[in-house]
Structures are given as C-alpha cells and as structure tokens.
Amino acid sequence: MTVRETIETRLREALGPELLHVSDDSHLHAGHAGARPGGESHFTVDIVSGRFAGLSRIDRHRLVNAALAGELAGPIHALVIKARAPGE
C-alpha cells in the first residue's frame, strides 16, 4: 500500500468523510529537506467531514493529525490540510 493509500484509509476510518482527496506533492519538493528519492513525503489532504462541524481550524487539524499520527512520525515529512464541514 502506498503512503497516499494509507492516508486515505486512515482518514476514511477515523473521520468518515463525504469528500476526500489526497495528493502527493513530493515532486514539487525534490532536493529539499525531508524529500525522499522515491517521493511519498509531501502531501495535501482536502477533506470534508461532518466531524468538523462547529470545530475551529486548529481542532480540525488535530483530528486529522491524530488519525495520521503513525504516518506523521514516519514517512510523511509535510502535510497541508484543507479541512471543512459539509456546506462550507
């Protein structure tokens, strides 16, 4: 399973999103700190979940980070999070 697929699986299980798009942006960071030769180190997550309703931006990010704790401690060097509640 790729890192992108693992991210998708973990977020689907933890947050039951209505929309989830994960993009591997590693190619944009080649040669930078944290970039790995094979990529899969820099990602953007665009997620819409009812779990975010009424939460601040920081609390939404905390939920995503908690769901991906293992990956953030390992293969993920950088993660951009775009987290919204339905209708936002």
N, C-alpha and C. Protein backbone atom coordinates (compact mmCIF):
# COMPACT_ATOMS: atom_id res chain seq x y z
N MET A 1 0.86 -1.18 0.00
CA MET A 1 0.00 0.00 0.00
C MET A 1 0.90 1.24 0.00
N THR A 2 0.59 2.20 -0.84
CA THR A 2 1.36 3.44 -0.89
C THR A 2 1.02 4.31 0.32
N VAL A 3 1.85 5.31 0.56
CA VAL A 3 1.59 6.23 1.67
C VAL A 3 0.27 6.96 1.41
N ARG A 4 0.03 7.37 0.18
CA ARG A 4 -1.24 8.04 -0.16
C ARG A 4 -2.43 7.16 0.17
N GLU A 5 -2.35 5.90 -0.20
CA GLU A 5 -3.45 4.97 0.10
C GLU A 5 -3.63 4.77 1.59
N THR A 6 -2.55 4.74 2.33
CA THR A 6 -2.62 4.61 3.78
C THR A 6 -3.29 5.84 4.39
N ILE A 7 -2.93 7.02 3.91
CA ILE A 7 -3.57 8.26 4.38
C ILE A 7 -5.07 8.19 4.14
N GLU A 8 -5.46 7.82 2.94
CA GLU A 8 -6.89 7.74 2.60
C GLU A 8 -7.62 6.75 3.52
N THR A 9 -7.03 5.60 3.72
CA THR A 9 -7.66 4.57 4.55
C THR A 9 -7.83 5.06 5.98
N ARG A 10 -6.79 5.61 6.56
CA ARG A 10 -6.84 6.09 7.95
C ARG A 10 -7.89 7.20 8.11
N LEU A 11 -7.94 8.13 7.17
CA LEU A 11 -8.89 9.24 7.29
C LEU A 11 -10.32 8.76 7.07
N ARG A 12 -10.53 7.84 6.17
CA ARG A 12 -11.88 7.29 5.97
C ARG A 12 -12.37 6.58 7.23
N GLU A 13 -11.49 5.80 7.85
CA GLU A 13 -11.85 5.07 9.06
C GLU A 13 -12.12 6.01 10.23
N ALA A 14 -11.30 7.04 10.38
CA ALA A 14 -11.40 7.92 11.55
C ALA A 14 -12.46 9.00 11.42
N LEU A 15 -12.67 9.50 10.19
CA LEU A 15 -13.50 10.70 10.04
C LEU A 15 -14.70 10.54 9.12
N GLY A 16 -14.84 9.40 8.47
CA GLY A 16 -15.98 9.17 7.59
C GLY A 16 -16.29 10.33 6.67
N PRO A 17 -15.33 10.77 5.88
CA PRO A 17 -15.51 11.97 5.05
C PRO A 17 -16.53 11.80 3.93
N GLU A 18 -17.17 12.92 3.61
CA GLU A 18 -18.06 12.99 2.44
C GLU A 18 -17.23 13.20 1.19
N LEU A 19 -16.12 13.89 1.34
CA LEU A 19 -15.19 14.14 0.24
C LEU A 19 -13.79 13.97 0.79
N LEU A 20 -12.94 13.31 0.04
CA LEU A 20 -11.54 13.15 0.44
C LEU A 20 -10.69 13.09 -0.81
N HIS A 21 -9.73 13.98 -0.88
CA HIS A 21 -8.76 13.96 -1.97
C HIS A 21 -7.38 14.12 -1.35
N VAL A 22 -6.50 13.19 -1.66
CA VAL A 22 -5.12 13.23 -1.17
C VAL A 22 -4.20 13.32 -2.37
N SER A 23 -3.36 14.32 -2.40
CA SER A 23 -2.41 14.45 -3.50
C SER A 23 -0.98 14.36 -2.97
N ASP A 24 -0.14 13.66 -3.72
CA ASP A 24 1.27 13.52 -3.40
C ASP A 24 2.00 14.67 -4.09
N ASP A 25 2.49 15.60 -3.29
CA ASP A 25 3.16 16.79 -3.82
C ASP A 25 4.68 16.67 -3.76
N SER A 26 5.17 15.47 -3.52
CA SER A 26 6.60 15.26 -3.30
C SER A 26 7.46 15.75 -4.46
N HIS A 27 6.96 15.61 -5.68
CA HIS A 27 7.74 16.04 -6.84
C HIS A 27 8.04 17.54 -6.81
N LEU A 28 7.22 18.31 -6.10
CA LEU A 28 7.44 19.75 -6.00
C LEU A 28 8.54 20.10 -5.00
N HIS A 29 8.97 19.11 -4.23
CA HIS A 29 9.94 19.35 -3.16
C HIS A 29 11.22 18.56 -3.34
N ALA A 30 11.44 18.02 -4.51
CA ALA A 30 12.65 17.24 -4.78
C ALA A 30 13.89 18.07 -4.45
N GLY A 31 14.79 17.47 -3.69
CA GLY A 31 16.03 18.16 -3.32
C GLY A 31 15.90 18.99 -2.05
N HIS A 32 14.71 19.17 -1.53
CA HIS A 32 14.51 19.94 -0.30
C HIS A 32 14.66 19.02 0.92
N ALA A 33 14.76 19.63 2.09
CA ALA A 33 14.85 18.86 3.33
C ALA A 33 13.62 17.98 3.48
N GLY A 34 13.83 16.75 3.88
CA GLY A 34 12.73 15.83 4.10
C GLY A 34 12.26 15.08 2.87
N ALA A 35 12.68 15.51 1.71
CA ALA A 35 12.27 14.83 0.47
C ALA A 35 13.05 13.53 0.35
N ARG A 36 12.35 12.48 -0.04
CA ARG A 36 12.99 11.19 -0.24
C ARG A 36 13.11 10.91 -1.73
N PRO A 37 14.12 10.17 -2.14
CA PRO A 37 14.30 9.88 -3.57
C PRO A 37 13.07 9.27 -4.23
N GLY A 38 12.35 8.41 -3.52
CA GLY A 38 11.16 7.77 -4.08
C GLY A 38 9.90 8.58 -3.95
N GLY A 39 9.99 9.76 -3.37
CA GLY A 39 8.80 10.59 -3.16
C GLY A 39 8.01 10.14 -1.96
N GLU A 40 6.71 10.36 -1.99
CA GLU A 40 5.80 10.00 -0.91
C GLU A 40 6.22 10.59 0.43
N SER A 41 6.53 11.88 0.44
CA SER A 41 6.94 12.56 1.67
C SER A 41 6.14 13.83 1.93
N HIS A 42 5.59 14.44 0.89
CA HIS A 42 4.86 15.70 1.00
C HIS A 42 3.46 15.51 0.41
N PHE A 43 2.42 15.82 1.20
CA PHE A 43 1.05 15.57 0.77
C PHE A 43 0.13 16.75 1.07
N THR A 44 -0.95 16.83 0.30
CA THR A 44 -2.06 17.75 0.58
C THR A 44 -3.31 16.90 0.76
N VAL A 45 -4.05 17.18 1.83
CA VAL A 45 -5.31 16.50 2.12
C VAL A 45 -6.42 17.52 2.04
N ASP A 46 -7.41 17.26 1.20
CA ASP A 46 -8.62 18.08 1.11
C ASP A 46 -9.75 17.18 1.59
N ILE A 47 -10.35 17.53 2.73
CA ILE A 47 -11.32 16.63 3.35
C ILE A 47 -12.54 17.42 3.84
N VAL A 48 -13.72 16.84 3.61
CA VAL A 48 -14.98 17.39 4.11
C VAL A 48 -15.60 16.30 4.98
N SER A 49 -15.85 16.63 6.23
CA SER A 49 -16.42 15.65 7.16
C SER A 49 -17.37 16.33 8.13
N GLY A 50 -18.47 15.65 8.44
CA GLY A 50 -19.40 16.13 9.44
C GLY A 50 -18.76 16.24 10.82
N ARG A 51 -17.67 15.50 11.04
CA ARG A 51 -16.96 15.57 12.32
C ARG A 51 -16.35 16.94 12.57
N PHE A 52 -16.20 17.75 11.52
CA PHE A 52 -15.59 19.07 11.66
C PHE A 52 -16.59 20.16 12.01
N ALA A 53 -17.87 19.86 11.96
CA ALA A 53 -18.91 20.87 12.23
C ALA A 53 -18.72 21.46 13.62
N GLY A 54 -18.67 22.79 13.68
CA GLY A 54 -18.54 23.51 14.94
C GLY A 54 -17.14 23.54 15.52
N LEU A 55 -16.17 22.94 14.83
CA LEU A 55 -14.80 22.93 15.34
C LEU A 55 -13.97 24.04 14.70
N SER A 56 -13.00 24.52 15.45
CA SER A 56 -12.06 25.51 14.92
C SER A 56 -11.12 24.85 13.92
N ARG A 57 -10.44 25.66 13.18
CA ARG A 57 -9.46 25.15 12.21
C ARG A 57 -8.41 24.29 12.92
N ILE A 58 -7.95 24.75 14.06
CA ILE A 58 -6.93 24.02 14.81
C ILE A 58 -7.46 22.66 15.26
N ASP A 59 -8.68 22.62 15.77
CA ASP A 59 -9.26 21.35 16.22
C ASP A 59 -9.47 20.39 15.05
N ARG A 60 -9.81 20.90 13.89
CA ARG A 60 -9.95 20.06 12.70
C ARG A 60 -8.61 19.45 12.34
N HIS A 61 -7.57 20.26 12.36
CA HIS A 61 -6.23 19.78 12.05
C HIS A 61 -5.78 18.75 13.08
N ARG A 62 -6.13 18.96 14.33
CA ARG A 62 -5.78 17.99 15.37
C ARG A 62 -6.41 16.63 15.10
N LEU A 63 -7.65 16.61 14.64
CA LEU A 63 -8.30 15.35 14.31
C LEU A 63 -7.59 14.63 13.17
N VAL A 64 -7.23 15.38 12.14
CA VAL A 64 -6.50 14.79 11.01
C VAL A 64 -5.14 14.29 11.48
N ASN A 65 -4.43 15.12 12.23
CA ASN A 65 -3.10 14.72 12.71
C ASN A 65 -3.18 13.48 13.60
N ALA A 66 -4.20 13.39 14.43
CA ALA A 66 -4.35 12.21 15.31
C ALA A 66 -4.59 10.96 14.48
N ALA A 67 -5.40 11.08 13.43
CA ALA A 67 -5.68 9.92 12.57
C ALA A 67 -4.43 9.46 11.82
N LEU A 68 -3.51 10.37 11.58
CA LEU A 68 -2.30 10.07 10.81
C LEU A 68 -1.03 10.08 11.66
N ALA A 69 -1.17 9.92 12.96
CA ALA A 69 -0.03 10.03 13.88
C ALA A 69 1.13 9.12 13.48
N GLY A 70 0.84 7.88 13.15
CA GLY A 70 1.91 6.96 12.77
C GLY A 70 2.64 7.37 11.52
N GLU A 71 1.90 7.86 10.54
CA GLU A 71 2.50 8.28 9.28
C GLU A 71 3.28 9.59 9.46
N LEU A 72 2.78 10.48 10.32
CA LEU A 72 3.49 11.74 10.56
C LEU A 72 4.79 11.50 11.32
N ALA A 73 4.85 10.42 12.08
CA ALA A 73 6.08 10.07 12.79
C ALA A 73 7.06 9.33 11.88
N GLY A 74 6.59 8.94 10.70
CA GLY A 74 7.42 8.16 9.80
C GLY A 74 7.58 8.78 8.43
N PRO A 75 6.84 8.26 7.45
CA PRO A 75 7.12 8.64 6.07
C PRO A 75 6.67 10.04 5.65
N ILE A 76 5.71 10.65 6.36
CA ILE A 76 5.24 11.97 5.94
C ILE A 76 6.14 13.05 6.53
N HIS A 77 6.71 13.86 5.67
CA HIS A 77 7.54 14.98 6.12
C HIS A 77 6.70 16.25 6.24
N ALA A 78 5.77 16.46 5.31
CA ALA A 78 4.95 17.67 5.31
C ALA A 78 3.54 17.33 4.87
N LEU A 79 2.57 17.99 5.52
CA LEU A 79 1.16 17.74 5.23
C LEU A 79 0.40 19.06 5.24
N VAL A 80 -0.22 19.37 4.11
CA VAL A 80 -1.11 20.53 4.00
C VAL A 80 -2.52 19.99 4.21
N ILE A 81 -3.27 20.62 5.13
CA ILE A 81 -4.61 20.15 5.45
C ILE A 81 -5.63 21.22 5.10
N LYS A 82 -6.61 20.84 4.29
CA LYS A 82 -7.75 21.68 3.97
C LYS A 82 -8.97 20.92 4.49
N ALA A 83 -9.43 21.28 5.68
CA ALA A 83 -10.49 20.54 6.36
C ALA A 83 -11.73 21.43 6.51
N ARG A 84 -12.87 20.92 5.99
CA ARG A 84 -14.12 21.69 6.05
C ARG A 84 -15.24 20.78 6.51
N ALA A 85 -16.27 21.41 7.06
CA ALA A 85 -17.51 20.71 7.38
C ALA A 85 -18.39 20.79 6.13
N PRO A 86 -19.36 19.90 5.99
CA PRO A 86 -20.27 19.96 4.83
C PRO A 86 -20.95 21.34 4.76
N GLY A 87 -21.07 21.84 3.54
CA GLY A 87 -21.73 23.12 3.33
C GLY A 87 -20.82 24.33 3.47
N GLU A 88 -19.58 24.13 3.82
CA GLU A 88 -18.67 25.28 3.95
C GLU A 88 -17.97 25.54 2.64
